[in-house]
Amino acid sequence: MAVAVQVPENIAAFLDTATPEEWLDAACVRLPEMLLDHANCELKAASTALGFLYRYPDRSKLAQRMSRLAREELRHFEQVRSIMDDMDIPFERLTASRYAGGLRDAARQEEPHKLLDLLLIGALIEARSCERFAKIAPRLPERLGRFYAGLLASEARHFEHYIALASAESGATAAEIDHRLQELKALEARLIAEPDPDFRFHSGPP
């Protein structure tokens, strides 16, 4: 039975482009690859949250939020690994995707701009994850569909936390945040819309 789920309105409005149908079609027939990269993404998301803790330990609100986020991302990693084990899909470490690498390379290196960019990039990745979970869930076998539908709320919450932290912790004005966000959203949209040599959870169409 297909799982009925929709992309949350705030997520759909936030992203500049929707996931291409070609990616969704490929994901349905390349489930082992999608699950493997998804597991890697959850592990990297936990590592990213811990990176904020190490880089900005003096920021109490940021540190507490990222500590909770890291634990939740690790829980998601465990859940994906469990599904992979049940499907006899071996785990291996994957290099960064074009999507992740492209966004990471766009982050400015000087502070406080670096903090702002990293938080906005985090928001974009979480928003895209949420959108893809919603779009792929109805197309998957029931167990996987229910699993991805169940991740929607947490990904949407992570997106909201990153956006709130960008405003509270970066020291940038609302206009500065919006200007930089529009630049990063345009880059993210290109990475999602343009053909990608590798199939990944956040890749463009194959």
N, C-alpha and C. Protein backbone atom coordinates (compact mmCIF):
# COMPACT_ATOMS: atom_id res chain seq x y z
N MET A 1 0.85 -1.19 0.00
CA MET A 1 0.00 0.00 0.00
C MET A 1 0.88 1.24 0.00
N ALA A 2 0.63 2.17 -0.93
CA ALA A 2 1.44 3.38 -1.02
C ALA A 2 1.19 4.29 0.18
N VAL A 3 2.25 4.95 0.61
CA VAL A 3 2.17 5.89 1.73
C VAL A 3 1.80 7.26 1.19
N ALA A 4 0.74 7.87 1.72
CA ALA A 4 0.30 9.19 1.27
C ALA A 4 1.00 10.26 2.11
N VAL A 5 1.77 11.10 1.46
CA VAL A 5 2.50 12.16 2.16
C VAL A 5 2.77 13.29 1.18
N GLN A 6 2.83 14.50 1.69
CA GLN A 6 3.08 15.66 0.85
C GLN A 6 4.27 16.45 1.40
N VAL A 7 4.93 17.19 0.51
CA VAL A 7 6.01 18.07 0.93
C VAL A 7 5.42 19.18 1.79
N PRO A 8 5.95 19.41 2.99
CA PRO A 8 5.45 20.51 3.82
C PRO A 8 5.50 21.84 3.06
N GLU A 9 4.50 22.67 3.25
CA GLU A 9 4.39 23.91 2.49
C GLU A 9 5.59 24.82 2.69
N ASN A 10 6.09 24.90 3.92
CA ASN A 10 7.23 25.80 4.16
C ASN A 10 8.49 25.30 3.47
N ILE A 11 8.63 23.99 3.33
CA ILE A 11 9.78 23.43 2.64
C ILE A 11 9.68 23.68 1.14
N ALA A 12 8.51 23.43 0.57
CA ALA A 12 8.30 23.66 -0.86
C ALA A 12 8.52 25.12 -1.23
N ALA A 13 8.09 26.03 -0.35
CA ALA A 13 8.25 27.46 -0.62
C ALA A 13 9.71 27.90 -0.47
N PHE A 14 10.45 27.21 0.38
CA PHE A 14 11.83 27.60 0.66
C PHE A 14 12.76 27.25 -0.49
N LEU A 15 12.58 26.09 -1.09
CA LEU A 15 13.48 25.62 -2.13
C LEU A 15 13.17 26.29 -3.47
N ASP A 16 14.22 26.58 -4.23
CA ASP A 16 14.04 27.26 -5.52
C ASP A 16 13.59 26.32 -6.63
N THR A 17 13.82 25.03 -6.48
CA THR A 17 13.40 24.08 -7.50
C THR A 17 13.02 22.76 -6.86
N ALA A 18 12.11 22.05 -7.49
CA ALA A 18 11.69 20.75 -6.98
C ALA A 18 12.62 19.66 -7.51
N THR A 19 12.65 18.54 -6.82
CA THR A 19 13.43 17.39 -7.27
C THR A 19 12.94 16.95 -8.64
N PRO A 20 13.85 16.77 -9.60
CA PRO A 20 13.43 16.33 -10.94
C PRO A 20 12.81 14.94 -10.92
N GLU A 21 11.83 14.73 -11.78
CA GLU A 21 11.18 13.42 -11.88
C GLU A 21 12.18 12.34 -12.26
N GLU A 22 13.19 12.70 -13.04
CA GLU A 22 14.19 11.72 -13.46
C GLU A 22 14.93 11.13 -12.27
N TRP A 23 15.19 11.96 -11.25
CA TRP A 23 15.86 11.44 -10.06
C TRP A 23 14.93 10.47 -9.32
N LEU A 24 13.68 10.83 -9.19
CA LEU A 24 12.72 9.97 -8.50
C LEU A 24 12.57 8.63 -9.21
N ASP A 25 12.51 8.67 -10.54
CA ASP A 25 12.40 7.43 -11.30
C ASP A 25 13.62 6.54 -11.06
N ALA A 26 14.80 7.16 -11.05
CA ALA A 26 16.03 6.39 -10.83
C ALA A 26 16.08 5.82 -9.42
N ALA A 27 15.65 6.60 -8.44
CA ALA A 27 15.69 6.15 -7.04
C ALA A 27 14.85 4.90 -6.82
N CYS A 28 13.74 4.81 -7.52
CA CYS A 28 12.85 3.67 -7.33
C CYS A 28 13.48 2.35 -7.79
N VAL A 29 14.41 2.42 -8.72
CA VAL A 29 15.04 1.20 -9.24
C VAL A 29 16.48 1.05 -8.76
N ARG A 30 16.93 1.99 -7.97
CA ARG A 30 18.30 1.94 -7.45
C ARG A 30 18.30 2.07 -5.93
N LEU A 31 17.40 1.31 -5.30
CA LEU A 31 17.22 1.42 -3.85
C LEU A 31 18.49 1.12 -3.06
N PRO A 32 19.26 0.08 -3.39
CA PRO A 32 20.49 -0.16 -2.60
C PRO A 32 21.44 1.03 -2.62
N GLU A 33 21.61 1.66 -3.78
CA GLU A 33 22.48 2.83 -3.87
C GLU A 33 21.92 3.99 -3.07
N MET A 34 20.61 4.19 -3.15
CA MET A 34 19.99 5.28 -2.41
C MET A 34 20.15 5.08 -0.91
N LEU A 35 19.89 3.86 -0.44
CA LEU A 35 19.99 3.58 0.99
C LEU A 35 21.43 3.70 1.48
N LEU A 36 22.38 3.23 0.68
CA LEU A 36 23.78 3.35 1.08
C LEU A 36 24.18 4.81 1.23
N ASP A 37 23.81 5.63 0.26
CA ASP A 37 24.18 7.04 0.36
C ASP A 37 23.40 7.73 1.48
N HIS A 38 22.14 7.33 1.68
CA HIS A 38 21.37 7.91 2.78
C HIS A 38 22.06 7.63 4.12
N ALA A 39 22.52 6.40 4.31
CA ALA A 39 23.24 6.08 5.55
C ALA A 39 24.47 6.96 5.71
N ASN A 40 25.21 7.13 4.63
CA ASN A 40 26.38 8.00 4.68
C ASN A 40 25.99 9.44 4.99
N CYS A 41 24.88 9.89 4.43
CA CYS A 41 24.41 11.26 4.69
C CYS A 41 24.07 11.47 6.16
N GLU A 42 23.42 10.50 6.77
CA GLU A 42 23.07 10.63 8.19
C GLU A 42 24.33 10.67 9.05
N LEU A 43 25.32 9.87 8.68
CA LEU A 43 26.58 9.87 9.42
C LEU A 43 27.29 11.21 9.27
N LYS A 44 27.29 11.75 8.05
CA LYS A 44 27.92 13.04 7.81
C LYS A 44 27.16 14.17 8.50
N ALA A 45 25.84 14.04 8.58
CA ALA A 45 25.05 15.06 9.26
C ALA A 45 25.38 15.11 10.74
N ALA A 46 25.58 13.93 11.34
CA ALA A 46 26.00 13.89 12.74
C ALA A 46 27.38 14.49 12.91
N SER A 47 28.27 14.19 11.97
CA SER A 47 29.62 14.74 12.02
C SER A 47 29.60 16.25 11.87
N THR A 48 28.72 16.75 11.00
CA THR A 48 28.61 18.20 10.81
C THR A 48 28.15 18.88 12.10
N ALA A 49 27.16 18.29 12.76
CA ALA A 49 26.67 18.85 14.02
C ALA A 49 27.79 18.87 15.06
N LEU A 50 28.56 17.79 15.14
CA LEU A 50 29.68 17.76 16.08
C LEU A 50 30.74 18.79 15.69
N GLY A 51 30.89 19.03 14.39
CA GLY A 51 31.85 20.04 13.94
C GLY A 51 31.51 21.42 14.47
N PHE A 52 30.22 21.75 14.52
CA PHE A 52 29.80 23.02 15.12
C PHE A 52 30.18 23.07 16.59
N LEU A 53 30.03 21.95 17.29
CA LEU A 53 30.38 21.90 18.71
C LEU A 53 31.86 22.19 18.92
N TYR A 54 32.70 21.59 18.10
CA TYR A 54 34.14 21.78 18.24
C TYR A 54 34.59 23.17 17.81
N ARG A 55 33.92 23.70 16.76
CA ARG A 55 34.34 24.98 16.21
C ARG A 55 33.83 26.17 17.03
N TYR A 56 32.65 26.00 17.64
CA TYR A 56 32.04 27.13 18.36
C TYR A 56 31.59 26.68 19.76
N PRO A 57 32.48 26.16 20.59
CA PRO A 57 32.06 25.63 21.89
C PRO A 57 31.59 26.71 22.86
N ASP A 58 31.93 27.97 22.59
CA ASP A 58 31.55 29.06 23.48
C ASP A 58 30.11 29.52 23.28
N ARG A 59 29.49 29.07 22.22
CA ARG A 59 28.11 29.48 21.91
C ARG A 59 27.15 28.45 22.52
N SER A 60 26.61 28.76 23.68
CA SER A 60 25.86 27.78 24.45
C SER A 60 24.62 27.27 23.71
N LYS A 61 23.81 28.17 23.17
CA LYS A 61 22.59 27.75 22.49
C LYS A 61 22.91 26.90 21.28
N LEU A 62 23.91 27.32 20.52
CA LEU A 62 24.32 26.56 19.34
C LEU A 62 24.84 25.19 19.74
N ALA A 63 25.66 25.13 20.78
CA ALA A 63 26.25 23.86 21.21
C ALA A 63 25.18 22.89 21.69
N GLN A 64 24.22 23.37 22.46
CA GLN A 64 23.17 22.47 22.95
C GLN A 64 22.31 21.94 21.80
N ARG A 65 21.97 22.81 20.87
CA ARG A 65 21.15 22.38 19.75
C ARG A 65 21.89 21.36 18.89
N MET A 66 23.18 21.60 18.64
CA MET A 66 23.94 20.69 17.78
C MET A 66 24.21 19.35 18.48
N SER A 67 24.34 19.38 19.79
CA SER A 67 24.51 18.13 20.52
C SER A 67 23.29 17.24 20.36
N ARG A 68 22.10 17.84 20.48
CA ARG A 68 20.86 17.07 20.29
C ARG A 68 20.71 16.61 18.85
N LEU A 69 21.09 17.49 17.92
CA LEU A 69 20.98 17.15 16.51
C LEU A 69 21.88 15.97 16.15
N ALA A 70 23.11 15.97 16.66
CA ALA A 70 24.04 14.87 16.38
C ALA A 70 23.47 13.54 16.85
N ARG A 71 22.86 13.53 18.04
CA ARG A 71 22.29 12.29 18.55
C ARG A 71 21.13 11.81 17.68
N GLU A 72 20.32 12.75 17.21
CA GLU A 72 19.18 12.35 16.38
C GLU A 72 19.65 11.84 15.02
N GLU A 73 20.67 12.48 14.44
CA GLU A 73 21.18 12.02 13.15
C GLU A 73 21.80 10.63 13.29
N LEU A 74 22.46 10.36 14.39
CA LEU A 74 23.02 9.03 14.60
C LEU A 74 21.92 7.99 14.75
N ARG A 75 20.81 8.37 15.35
CA ARG A 75 19.68 7.45 15.45
C ARG A 75 19.14 7.12 14.06
N HIS A 76 19.05 8.12 13.22
CA HIS A 76 18.60 7.88 11.84
C HIS A 76 19.60 6.98 11.10
N PHE A 77 20.88 7.19 11.35
CA PHE A 77 21.90 6.33 10.75
C PHE A 77 21.68 4.88 11.16
N GLU A 78 21.43 4.66 12.43
CA GLU A 78 21.18 3.31 12.92
C GLU A 78 19.96 2.69 12.24
N GLN A 79 18.92 3.49 12.04
CA GLN A 79 17.70 2.98 11.42
C GLN A 79 17.94 2.59 9.96
N VAL A 80 18.67 3.42 9.24
CA VAL A 80 18.96 3.08 7.84
C VAL A 80 19.84 1.84 7.77
N ARG A 81 20.83 1.76 8.67
CA ARG A 81 21.69 0.57 8.68
C ARG A 81 20.89 -0.69 8.97
N SER A 82 19.90 -0.61 9.83
CA SER A 82 19.08 -1.77 10.14
C SER A 82 18.31 -2.23 8.90
N ILE A 83 17.76 -1.29 8.15
CA ILE A 83 17.06 -1.63 6.92
C ILE A 83 18.02 -2.24 5.91
N MET A 84 19.21 -1.67 5.81
CA MET A 84 20.20 -2.22 4.89
C MET A 84 20.58 -3.64 5.28
N ASP A 85 20.76 -3.88 6.56
CA ASP A 85 21.10 -5.23 7.01
C ASP A 85 20.00 -6.22 6.64
N ASP A 86 18.74 -5.81 6.81
CA ASP A 86 17.62 -6.68 6.48
C ASP A 86 17.56 -6.98 4.98
N MET A 87 18.06 -6.04 4.18
CA MET A 87 18.03 -6.19 2.72
C MET A 87 19.37 -6.72 2.17
N ASP A 88 20.28 -7.09 3.10
CA ASP A 88 21.61 -7.60 2.71
C ASP A 88 22.37 -6.61 1.85
N ILE A 89 22.29 -5.34 2.21
CA ILE A 89 23.04 -4.29 1.51
C ILE A 89 24.26 -3.94 2.36
N PRO A 90 25.48 -4.23 1.91
CA PRO A 90 26.66 -3.93 2.71
C PRO A 90 26.91 -2.44 2.80
N PHE A 91 27.44 -2.02 3.94
CA PHE A 91 27.76 -0.60 4.12
C PHE A 91 29.20 -0.34 3.70
N GLU A 92 29.41 0.81 3.06
CA GLU A 92 30.76 1.29 2.77
C GLU A 92 30.76 2.79 2.82
N ARG A 93 31.90 3.35 3.13
CA ARG A 93 32.01 4.80 3.17
C ARG A 93 32.07 5.36 1.76
N LEU A 94 31.33 6.42 1.50
CA LEU A 94 31.32 7.07 0.21
C LEU A 94 31.95 8.45 0.32
N THR A 95 32.58 8.89 -0.75
CA THR A 95 33.12 10.24 -0.78
C THR A 95 31.98 11.24 -0.87
N ALA A 96 32.29 12.49 -0.64
CA ALA A 96 31.27 13.54 -0.70
C ALA A 96 30.69 13.62 -2.10
N SER A 97 29.40 13.84 -2.17
CA SER A 97 28.74 13.99 -3.47
C SER A 97 29.05 15.35 -4.07
N ARG A 98 28.73 15.49 -5.36
CA ARG A 98 28.89 16.79 -6.02
C ARG A 98 28.06 17.85 -5.30
N TYR A 99 26.87 17.46 -4.86
CA TYR A 99 25.95 18.37 -4.16
C TYR A 99 26.59 18.89 -2.87
N ALA A 100 27.00 17.98 -2.01
CA ALA A 100 27.59 18.38 -0.74
C ALA A 100 28.88 19.15 -0.94
N GLY A 101 29.72 18.67 -1.86
CA GLY A 101 30.98 19.35 -2.11
C GLY A 101 30.79 20.74 -2.67
N GLY A 102 29.80 20.88 -3.57
CA GLY A 102 29.55 22.19 -4.16
C GLY A 102 29.07 23.20 -3.15
N LEU A 103 28.19 22.78 -2.26
CA LEU A 103 27.71 23.69 -1.22
C LEU A 103 28.82 24.02 -0.23
N ARG A 104 29.58 23.01 0.16
CA ARG A 104 30.66 23.23 1.12
C ARG A 104 31.71 24.19 0.56
N ASP A 105 32.04 24.04 -0.71
CA ASP A 105 33.05 24.91 -1.32
C ASP A 105 32.59 26.36 -1.42
N ALA A 106 31.28 26.57 -1.38
CA ALA A 106 30.75 27.93 -1.48
C ALA A 106 30.81 28.68 -0.16
N ALA A 107 31.04 27.98 0.93
CA ALA A 107 31.09 28.64 2.24
C ALA A 107 32.31 29.54 2.34
N ARG A 108 32.09 30.75 2.79
CA ARG A 108 33.20 31.68 2.99
C ARG A 108 34.03 31.24 4.19
N GLN A 109 35.31 31.56 4.18
CA GLN A 109 36.22 31.06 5.20
C GLN A 109 36.42 32.01 6.37
N GLU A 110 36.13 33.29 6.16
CA GLU A 110 36.35 34.25 7.24
C GLU A 110 35.10 34.36 8.10
N GLU A 111 35.33 34.53 9.41
CA GLU A 111 34.22 34.71 10.34
C GLU A 111 33.83 36.18 10.40
N PRO A 112 32.56 36.50 10.68
CA PRO A 112 31.47 35.58 11.04
C PRO A 112 30.72 35.01 9.83
N HIS A 113 31.21 35.31 8.61
CA HIS A 113 30.52 34.84 7.41
C HIS A 113 30.51 33.32 7.32
N LYS A 114 31.58 32.69 7.80
CA LYS A 114 31.64 31.23 7.72
C LYS A 114 30.51 30.58 8.52
N LEU A 115 30.29 31.06 9.73
CA LEU A 115 29.22 30.51 10.56
C LEU A 115 27.87 30.67 9.87
N LEU A 116 27.61 31.86 9.35
CA LEU A 116 26.35 32.09 8.66
C LEU A 116 26.18 31.13 7.49
N ASP A 117 27.21 31.01 6.67
CA ASP A 117 27.11 30.14 5.49
C ASP A 117 26.90 28.69 5.86
N LEU A 118 27.61 28.21 6.87
CA LEU A 118 27.47 26.82 7.28
C LEU A 118 26.06 26.53 7.81
N LEU A 119 25.49 27.47 8.53
CA LEU A 119 24.14 27.29 9.04
C LEU A 119 23.11 27.32 7.91
N LEU A 120 23.28 28.22 6.96
CA LEU A 120 22.35 28.29 5.83
C LEU A 120 22.47 27.06 4.95
N ILE A 121 23.69 26.58 4.75
CA ILE A 121 23.88 25.35 3.98
C ILE A 121 23.23 24.17 4.70
N GLY A 122 23.36 24.13 6.01
CA GLY A 122 22.68 23.09 6.78
C GLY A 122 21.18 23.14 6.59
N ALA A 123 20.62 24.34 6.57
CA ALA A 123 19.18 24.50 6.36
C ALA A 123 18.77 23.99 4.98
N LEU A 124 19.56 24.30 3.98
CA LEU A 124 19.26 23.86 2.61
C LEU A 124 19.30 22.34 2.50
N ILE A 125 20.30 21.72 3.08
CA ILE A 125 20.42 20.26 3.01
C ILE A 125 19.25 19.59 3.72
N GLU A 126 18.88 20.10 4.88
CA GLU A 126 17.76 19.51 5.62
C GLU A 126 16.45 19.71 4.86
N ALA A 127 16.28 20.88 4.25
CA ALA A 127 15.06 21.14 3.48
C ALA A 127 14.98 20.20 2.28
N ARG A 128 16.09 20.01 1.59
CA ARG A 128 16.09 19.11 0.44
C ARG A 128 15.84 17.68 0.87
N SER A 129 16.42 17.27 1.97
CA SER A 129 16.17 15.92 2.47
C SER A 129 14.69 15.71 2.75
N CYS A 130 14.08 16.68 3.41
CA CYS A 130 12.66 16.60 3.74
C CYS A 130 11.83 16.50 2.46
N GLU A 131 12.15 17.32 1.48
CA GLU A 131 11.40 17.30 0.22
C GLU A 131 11.53 15.96 -0.47
N ARG A 132 12.73 15.40 -0.48
CA ARG A 132 12.92 14.12 -1.16
C ARG A 132 12.26 12.96 -0.41
N PHE A 133 12.30 13.01 0.90
CA PHE A 133 11.60 11.98 1.67
C PHE A 133 10.12 11.98 1.29
N ALA A 134 9.52 13.17 1.22
CA ALA A 134 8.10 13.27 0.91
C ALA A 134 7.79 12.80 -0.51
N LYS A 135 8.67 13.13 -1.44
CA LYS A 135 8.40 12.78 -2.84
C LYS A 135 8.64 11.30 -3.13
N ILE A 136 9.61 10.71 -2.46
CA ILE A 136 9.94 9.31 -2.76
C ILE A 136 9.08 8.34 -1.97
N ALA A 137 8.61 8.72 -0.79
CA ALA A 137 7.89 7.79 0.08
C ALA A 137 6.72 7.08 -0.61
N PRO A 138 5.85 7.81 -1.35
CA PRO A 138 4.70 7.12 -1.96
C PRO A 138 5.09 6.13 -3.06
N ARG A 139 6.31 6.20 -3.54
CA ARG A 139 6.74 5.35 -4.65
C ARG A 139 7.47 4.08 -4.18
N LEU A 140 7.72 3.99 -2.88
CA LEU A 140 8.55 2.91 -2.37
C LEU A 140 7.70 1.76 -1.82
N PRO A 141 8.33 0.59 -1.64
CA PRO A 141 7.65 -0.49 -0.90
C PRO A 141 7.18 0.03 0.46
N GLU A 142 6.11 -0.56 0.98
CA GLU A 142 5.43 0.03 2.15
C GLU A 142 6.37 0.29 3.32
N ARG A 143 7.24 -0.67 3.66
CA ARG A 143 8.10 -0.46 4.82
C ARG A 143 9.00 0.75 4.63
N LEU A 144 9.63 0.83 3.46
CA LEU A 144 10.51 1.97 3.20
C LEU A 144 9.71 3.26 3.11
N GLY A 145 8.54 3.18 2.51
CA GLY A 145 7.71 4.37 2.40
C GLY A 145 7.32 4.93 3.76
N ARG A 146 6.96 4.03 4.67
CA ARG A 146 6.60 4.47 6.03
C ARG A 146 7.82 5.05 6.75
N PHE A 147 8.97 4.45 6.53
CA PHE A 147 10.20 4.94 7.17
C PHE A 147 10.51 6.36 6.71
N TYR A 148 10.48 6.58 5.39
CA TYR A 148 10.81 7.92 4.89
C TYR A 148 9.75 8.94 5.27
N ALA A 149 8.49 8.54 5.26
CA ALA A 149 7.43 9.45 5.70
C ALA A 149 7.64 9.82 7.17
N GLY A 150 8.13 8.87 7.95
CA GLY A 150 8.36 9.13 9.37
C GLY A 150 9.50 10.07 9.65
N LEU A 151 10.39 10.26 8.67
CA LEU A 151 11.52 11.16 8.86
C LEU A 151 11.17 12.62 8.54
N LEU A 152 10.01 12.84 7.93
CA LEU A 152 9.66 14.18 7.48
C LEU A 152 9.68 15.21 8.61
N ALA A 153 9.05 14.88 9.71
CA ALA A 153 8.91 15.86 10.79
C ALA A 153 10.27 16.26 11.35
N SER A 154 11.16 15.28 11.53
CA SER A 154 12.47 15.61 12.10
C SER A 154 13.29 16.45 11.13
N GLU A 155 13.24 16.13 9.83
CA GLU A 155 14.01 16.92 8.87
C GLU A 155 13.48 18.35 8.78
N ALA A 156 12.16 18.50 8.82
CA ALA A 156 11.57 19.84 8.80
C ALA A 156 11.98 20.62 10.05
N ARG A 157 12.02 19.94 11.18
CA ARG A 157 12.44 20.58 12.43
C ARG A 157 13.91 20.98 12.38
N HIS A 158 14.75 20.10 11.83
CA HIS A 158 16.17 20.45 11.69
C HIS A 158 16.35 21.68 10.81
N PHE A 159 15.60 21.74 9.72
CA PHE A 159 15.64 22.91 8.84
C PHE A 159 15.30 24.18 9.60
N GLU A 160 14.24 24.13 10.38
CA GLU A 160 13.83 25.30 11.14
C GLU A 160 14.87 25.70 12.17
N HIS A 161 15.53 24.72 12.79
CA HIS A 161 16.58 25.04 13.77
C HIS A 161 17.75 25.75 13.10
N TYR A 162 18.16 25.25 11.95
CA TYR A 162 19.29 25.87 11.25
C TYR A 162 18.96 27.31 10.86
N ILE A 163 17.75 27.55 10.36
CA ILE A 163 17.35 28.90 9.99
C ILE A 163 17.33 29.82 11.21
N ALA A 164 16.78 29.33 12.30
CA ALA A 164 16.71 30.13 13.52
C ALA A 164 18.10 30.45 14.05
N LEU A 165 19.00 29.47 14.01
CA LEU A 165 20.36 29.70 14.50
C LEU A 165 21.11 30.67 13.61
N ALA A 166 20.85 30.64 12.30
CA ALA A 166 21.50 31.59 11.40
C ALA A 166 21.15 33.01 11.80
N SER A 167 19.90 33.23 12.19
CA SER A 167 19.46 34.55 12.61
C SER A 167 20.00 34.92 13.98
N ALA A 168 20.04 33.95 14.90
CA ALA A 168 20.39 34.25 16.29
C ALA A 168 21.90 34.29 16.54
N GLU A 169 22.67 33.51 15.78
CA GLU A 169 24.08 33.32 16.12
C GLU A 169 25.07 34.01 15.18
N SER A 170 24.66 34.39 13.99
CA SER A 170 25.63 34.89 13.00
C SER A 170 25.99 36.35 13.17
N GLY A 171 25.11 37.12 13.83
CA GLY A 171 25.34 38.55 13.95
C GLY A 171 24.99 39.33 12.70
N ALA A 172 24.47 38.66 11.68
CA ALA A 172 24.11 39.32 10.43
C ALA A 172 22.70 39.90 10.53
N THR A 173 22.46 40.94 9.74
CA THR A 173 21.12 41.52 9.68
C THR A 173 20.21 40.62 8.85
N ALA A 174 18.91 40.85 8.98
CA ALA A 174 17.94 40.07 8.20
C ALA A 174 18.19 40.23 6.71
N ALA A 175 18.54 41.45 6.28
CA ALA A 175 18.81 41.69 4.86
C ALA A 175 20.06 40.94 4.40
N GLU A 176 21.08 40.92 5.24
CA GLU A 176 22.32 40.21 4.89
C GLU A 176 22.07 38.70 4.80
N ILE A 177 21.28 38.19 5.73
CA ILE A 177 20.97 36.76 5.72
C ILE A 177 20.18 36.41 4.46
N ASP A 178 19.18 37.22 4.15
CA ASP A 178 18.35 36.93 2.98
C ASP A 178 19.17 36.99 1.69
N HIS A 179 20.05 37.98 1.58
CA HIS A 179 20.88 38.10 0.38
C HIS A 179 21.77 36.88 0.20
N ARG A 180 22.41 36.47 1.27
CA ARG A 180 23.30 35.30 1.17
C ARG A 180 22.49 34.04 0.93
N LEU A 181 21.34 33.94 1.55
CA LEU A 181 20.50 32.76 1.36
C LEU A 181 20.06 32.64 -0.10
N GLN A 182 19.71 33.74 -0.72
CA GLN A 182 19.31 33.68 -2.13
C GLN A 182 20.45 33.19 -3.01
N GLU A 183 21.67 33.60 -2.71
CA GLU A 183 22.83 33.12 -3.48
C GLU A 183 23.01 31.61 -3.32
N LEU A 184 22.93 31.14 -2.09
CA LEU A 184 23.12 29.72 -1.83
C LEU A 184 21.97 28.88 -2.36
N LYS A 185 20.75 29.41 -2.30
CA LYS A 185 19.61 28.69 -2.85
C LYS A 185 19.74 28.53 -4.36
N ALA A 186 20.25 29.54 -5.03
CA ALA A 186 20.44 29.45 -6.48
C ALA A 186 21.47 28.38 -6.82
N LEU A 187 22.54 28.31 -6.04
CA LEU A 187 23.55 27.27 -6.24
C LEU A 187 22.95 25.90 -5.99
N GLU A 188 22.21 25.75 -4.89
CA GLU A 188 21.60 24.47 -4.56
C GLU A 188 20.66 24.01 -5.66
N ALA A 189 19.89 24.93 -6.22
CA ALA A 189 18.96 24.59 -7.28
C ALA A 189 19.69 24.08 -8.52
N ARG A 190 20.81 24.70 -8.85
CA ARG A 190 21.59 24.24 -10.01
C ARG A 190 22.13 22.83 -9.76
N LEU A 191 22.63 22.59 -8.57
CA LEU A 191 23.17 21.27 -8.26
C LEU A 191 22.10 20.18 -8.32
N ILE A 192 20.86 20.53 -8.00
CA ILE A 192 19.75 19.58 -8.02
C ILE A 192 19.22 19.38 -9.44
N ALA A 193 19.23 20.43 -10.25
CA ALA A 193 18.60 20.38 -11.57
C ALA A 193 19.52 19.86 -12.67
N GLU A 194 20.82 20.08 -12.52
CA GLU A 194 21.75 19.69 -13.59
C GLU A 194 22.08 18.21 -13.51
N PRO A 195 22.30 17.55 -14.66
CA PRO A 195 22.65 16.12 -14.67
C PRO A 195 23.89 15.85 -13.81
N ASP A 196 23.87 14.71 -13.14
CA ASP A 196 24.93 14.35 -12.21
C ASP A 196 25.59 13.06 -12.65
N PRO A 197 26.93 12.98 -12.62
CA PRO A 197 27.60 11.74 -13.03
C PRO A 197 27.40 10.59 -12.06
N ASP A 198 27.08 10.90 -10.80
CA ASP A 198 26.89 9.87 -9.78
C ASP A 198 25.47 9.95 -9.23
N PHE A 199 24.87 8.79 -8.97
CA PHE A 199 23.56 8.77 -8.33
C PHE A 199 23.75 8.78 -6.82
N ARG A 200 23.22 9.81 -6.18
CA ARG A 200 23.28 9.94 -4.74
C ARG A 200 21.94 10.42 -4.21
N PHE A 201 21.80 10.40 -2.89
CA PHE A 201 20.53 10.84 -2.32
C PHE A 201 20.25 12.31 -2.65
N HIS A 202 21.30 13.13 -2.75
CA HIS A 202 21.12 14.54 -3.07
C HIS A 202 21.64 14.90 -4.45
N SER A 203 21.76 13.94 -5.33
CA SER A 203 22.31 14.23 -6.65
C SER A 203 21.28 14.86 -7.57
N GLY A 204 21.77 15.40 -8.67
CA GLY A 204 20.87 15.83 -9.74
C GLY A 204 20.40 14.62 -10.51
N PRO A 205 19.63 14.83 -11.58
CA PRO A 205 19.15 13.70 -12.37
C PRO A 205 20.32 12.95 -12.99
N PRO A 206 20.26 11.62 -13.04
CA PRO A 206 21.37 10.84 -13.61
C PRO A 206 21.46 11.02 -15.13
